Amino acid sequence: MERGQIRVLIVEDDDDFAYLIQDQLTRQGDMEVAGRARDRRGALALAQSLEPQVVLMDLSLSAAQMDGVEAARDIRIATGAKVVILTVYEDPKVVLEASRRAFASGYVFKSQFALIPETVRATARGTTPQEWMILSLILDRLSPAERGVLDYILGRTPEPVSSPKTMANQKTSILRKLGLHSQRELLRVFRSLPALQE
C-alpha cells in the first residue's frame, strides 16, 4: 500500500456488484481494496486482521434480513474502522434507522454507484454531514442527563453532579438504549465519532 492510501474492506454477497466496487476503487489513486467478505463472520475477521479505514457494508447480506446492520455493529465495536452502508433500499426512514443501529458513518444507495469513491474519501478524511446526522439520531435516544454522562465517560466534560447510584443507573440506561453491553463497547463505538455538540 502506498503511503496515504485509504484501505477499504468490501462486504458484499453479490459477486458481480463486489467486482464493480473493487474495480471502481482500484482506479482511484488514493485507495486500496484490502479485501472482500461475503458474510457477517467473515466481515469481522477481515476487519480485525486487515485494519481498513473504511468498510463498505451491504445492508442485506442474505435474502432474509438486514444482517449488514449487525455485521457493521460487530466491526464498529471491535475495530477503529468507519462503516458506510450500501443499500438497494431508498426509503430514507429505513436507511437512516439502519445506519443509526449500525453506528454507521454514512450510506450510499446502490443506484448511486458513482458516488462510492467520493463517499469513501470524505468518510476517511473527516466528519461528513451524513455522519453528523446519524450521530444526532443516535444521541436523540438519550435524555439530556444521559448525554452529560456520556460526555463524561468519553472524557469530554467534568463529572456530572450526581450520586453514584444515579450515575450507575444512567450508564445502564445509556447502554440499554444504544444496544451495547459494556462501557468498553461504548468507548470503542464513540472513539471515531465527532465530539458531541448541541
Protein backbone atom coordinates (compact mmCIF):
# COMPACT_ATOMS: atom_id res chain seq x y z
CA MET A 1 0.00 0.00 0.00
CA GLU A 2 1.30 3.42 -0.91
CA ARG A 3 1.55 5.98 1.85
CA GLY A 4 -1.64 7.95 2.30
CA GLN A 5 -3.88 5.45 0.54
CA ILE A 6 -7.27 4.67 2.05
CA ARG A 7 -7.69 1.00 2.95
CA VAL A 8 -11.17 -0.26 2.13
CA LEU A 9 -12.87 -3.55 3.01
CA ILE A 10 -15.84 -4.56 0.85
CA VAL A 11 -18.58 -6.65 2.48
CA GLU A 12 -20.96 -7.74 -0.27
CA ASP A 13 -22.53 -11.11 -1.07
CA ASP A 14 -23.21 -10.26 -4.74
CA ASP A 15 -20.04 -11.24 -6.63
CA ASP A 16 -20.80 -9.05 -9.65
CA PHE A 17 -21.51 -5.93 -7.59
CA ALA A 18 -18.46 -6.58 -5.40
CA TYR A 19 -16.31 -6.78 -8.54
CA LEU A 20 -17.72 -3.48 -9.82
CA ILE A 21 -16.94 -1.76 -6.50
CA GLN A 22 -13.44 -3.18 -6.40
CA ASP A 23 -12.75 -2.16 -9.99
CA GLN A 24 -14.06 1.34 -9.34
CA LEU A 25 -11.98 1.82 -6.17
CA THR A 26 -8.75 0.43 -7.59
CA ARG A 27 -8.97 3.06 -10.34
CA GLN A 28 -8.69 5.74 -7.64
CA GLY A 29 -5.11 6.78 -6.99
CA ASP A 30 -5.67 7.16 -3.26
CA MET A 31 -7.46 3.90 -2.43
CA GLU A 32 -6.63 0.26 -1.94
CA VAL A 33 -9.13 -2.58 -1.60
CA ALA A 34 -7.74 -4.51 1.37
CA GLY A 35 -10.16 -7.41 0.98
CA ARG A 36 -13.71 -8.60 0.49
CA ALA A 37 -16.07 -10.58 2.74
CA ARG A 38 -19.42 -12.16 1.93
CA ASP A 39 -20.98 -12.59 5.38
CA ARG A 40 -21.04 -11.28 8.96
CA ARG A 41 -18.44 -13.63 10.37
CA GLY A 42 -16.00 -13.12 7.53
CA ALA A 43 -16.51 -9.35 7.69
CA LEU A 44 -15.49 -9.14 11.34
CA ALA A 45 -12.49 -11.43 10.89
CA LEU A 46 -11.17 -9.44 7.92
CA ALA A 47 -11.83 -6.08 9.56
CA GLN A 48 -9.79 -7.18 12.57
CA SER A 49 -6.91 -8.63 10.54
CA LEU A 50 -6.71 -6.11 7.69
CA GLU A 51 -7.44 -2.93 9.69
CA PRO A 52 -9.26 -0.99 6.95
CA GLN A 53 -10.10 2.67 7.46
CA VAL A 54 -13.50 2.30 5.77
CA VAL A 55 -15.78 -0.71 5.40
CA LEU A 56 -18.37 -0.71 2.61
CA MET A 57 -21.16 -2.81 4.10
CA ASP A 58 -24.04 -4.29 2.11
CA LEU A 59 -27.15 -3.78 4.22
CA SER A 60 -28.60 -7.15 3.17
CA LEU A 61 -26.01 -9.93 3.20
CA SER A 62 -28.74 -12.53 2.80
CA ALA A 63 -32.18 -12.53 1.24
CA ALA A 64 -33.94 -12.82 4.59
CA GLN A 65 -32.85 -9.81 6.59
CA MET A 66 -30.80 -6.64 7.00
CA ASP A 67 -27.93 -8.56 8.59
CA GLY A 68 -25.45 -5.93 7.46
CA VAL A 69 -26.58 -3.88 10.47
CA GLU A 70 -25.29 -6.50 12.90
CA ALA A 71 -22.13 -7.03 10.87
CA ALA A 72 -21.48 -3.27 10.94
CA ARG A 73 -22.08 -3.14 14.72
CA ASP A 74 -19.61 -6.01 15.20
CA ILE A 75 -16.96 -4.10 13.27
CA ARG A 76 -17.64 -0.75 14.99
CA ILE A 77 -17.36 -2.36 18.43
CA ALA A 78 -14.22 -4.38 17.64
CA THR A 79 -12.17 -2.09 15.37
CA GLY A 80 -11.43 1.53 14.55
CA ALA A 81 -12.94 1.31 11.06
CA LYS A 82 -15.74 3.54 9.88
CA VAL A 83 -18.66 1.88 8.08
CA VAL A 84 -20.55 3.09 5.03
CA ILE A 85 -23.79 1.25 4.32
CA LEU A 86 -24.56 0.14 0.75
CA THR A 87 -28.24 -0.44 0.10
CA VAL A 88 -30.84 -1.07 -2.56
CA TYR A 89 -33.44 0.35 -0.16
CA GLU A 90 -34.09 4.01 -0.88
CA ASP A 91 -36.66 4.76 1.81
CA PRO A 92 -34.85 7.42 3.91
CA LYS A 93 -36.50 6.26 7.14
CA VAL A 94 -35.39 2.67 6.62
CA VAL A 95 -31.83 3.60 5.67
CA LEU A 96 -31.35 6.15 8.44
CA GLU A 97 -32.70 3.76 11.07
CA ALA A 98 -30.36 1.03 9.82
CA SER A 99 -27.44 3.48 9.85
CA ARG A 100 -28.27 4.53 13.40
CA ARG A 101 -28.45 0.96 14.64
CA ALA A 102 -25.20 0.10 12.83
CA PHE A 103 -23.33 3.16 14.19
CA ALA A 104 -22.50 3.83 10.54
CA SER A 105 -20.71 6.92 9.25
CA GLY A 106 -22.77 7.17 6.10
CA TYR A 107 -24.64 5.36 3.36
CA VAL A 108 -24.80 5.13 -0.41
CA PHE A 109 -27.74 3.88 -2.44
CA LYS A 110 -26.58 1.20 -4.86
CA SER A 111 -28.35 3.12 -7.62
CA GLN A 112 -25.85 5.94 -6.92
CA PHE A 113 -22.85 3.69 -7.53
CA ALA A 114 -20.73 6.55 -8.91
CA LEU A 115 -20.78 8.28 -5.51
CA ILE A 116 -18.94 5.46 -3.72
CA PRO A 117 -15.34 6.71 -4.18
CA GLU A 118 -16.08 10.25 -3.02
CA THR A 119 -18.12 8.96 -0.09
CA VAL A 120 -15.25 6.69 0.97
CA ARG A 121 -12.77 9.55 0.59
CA ALA A 122 -14.83 12.03 2.60
CA THR A 123 -15.57 9.46 5.32
CA ALA A 124 -11.90 8.53 5.71
CA ARG A 125 -10.73 12.15 5.85
CA GLY A 126 -13.14 13.61 8.40
CA THR A 127 -16.69 14.03 9.60
CA THR A 128 -19.29 14.17 6.85
CA PRO A 129 -22.76 15.75 7.07
CA GLN A 130 -24.20 12.22 6.94
CA GLU A 131 -22.11 11.22 9.94
CA TRP A 132 -23.35 14.25 11.92
CA MET A 133 -26.94 13.37 11.02
CA ILE A 134 -26.57 9.73 12.09
CA LEU A 135 -24.83 10.79 15.31
CA SER A 136 -27.73 13.11 16.03
CA LEU A 137 -30.17 10.22 15.59
CA ILE A 138 -28.11 8.10 17.98
CA LEU A 139 -27.96 10.81 20.63
CA ASP A 140 -31.67 11.66 20.31
CA ARG A 141 -32.36 8.40 22.12
CA LEU A 142 -30.66 9.76 25.24
CA SER A 143 -32.02 12.23 27.78
CA PRO A 144 -30.05 15.45 28.46
CA ALA A 145 -28.76 13.92 31.72
CA GLU A 146 -27.63 10.78 29.89
CA ARG A 147 -25.92 12.93 27.25
CA GLY A 148 -24.00 14.60 30.09
CA VAL A 149 -22.95 11.22 31.50
CA LEU A 150 -21.90 10.04 28.05
CA ASP A 151 -19.77 13.16 27.58
CA TYR A 152 -18.15 12.42 30.94
CA ILE A 153 -17.49 8.76 30.07
CA LEU A 154 -15.83 9.91 26.85
CA GLY A 155 -13.62 12.32 28.80
CA ARG A 156 -15.09 15.42 27.21
CA THR A 157 -16.64 17.09 30.27
CA PRO A 158 -16.15 17.11 34.05
CA GLU A 159 -18.03 14.56 36.15
CA PRO A 160 -21.72 15.48 36.48
CA VAL A 161 -23.02 16.38 39.93
CA SER A 162 -24.94 13.17 40.60
CA SER A 163 -24.95 10.46 43.25
CA PRO A 164 -23.04 7.24 42.47
CA LYS A 165 -26.37 5.38 42.25
CA THR A 166 -27.80 7.92 39.78
CA MET A 167 -24.63 7.75 37.67
CA ALA A 168 -24.77 3.95 37.63
CA ASN A 169 -28.43 3.99 36.61
CA GLN A 170 -27.76 6.48 33.82
CA LYS A 171 -24.82 4.43 32.49
CA THR A 172 -27.03 1.34 32.45
CA SER A 173 -29.77 3.25 30.65
CA ILE A 174 -27.32 4.58 28.04
CA LEU A 175 -26.06 1.08 27.26
CA ARG A 176 -29.60 -0.30 27.05
CA LYS A 177 -30.84 2.46 24.74
CA LEU A 178 -27.83 2.08 22.43
CA GLY A 179 -27.93 -1.72 22.46
CA LEU A 180 -24.43 -2.06 23.91
CA HIS A 181 -23.23 -4.39 26.65
CA SER A 182 -20.43 -2.54 28.42
CA GLN A 183 -18.70 0.79 28.87
CA ARG A 184 -15.81 -0.68 26.91
CA GLU A 185 -18.06 -1.20 23.89
CA LEU A 186 -19.38 2.33 24.30
CA LEU A 187 -15.86 3.77 24.21
CA ARG A 188 -14.94 1.74 21.14
CA VAL A 189 -18.00 2.85 19.20
CA PHE A 190 -17.73 6.54 20.05
CA ARG A 191 -13.96 6.92 19.72
CA SER A 192 -14.22 7.57 15.97
CA LEU A 193 -17.34 9.71 16.19
CA PRO A 194 -17.03 13.51 16.32
CA ALA A 195 -17.17 15.41 19.61
CA LEU A 196 -20.70 15.67 20.87
CA GLN A 197 -22.28 19.06 20.37
CA GLU A 198 -25.72 20.51 20.80
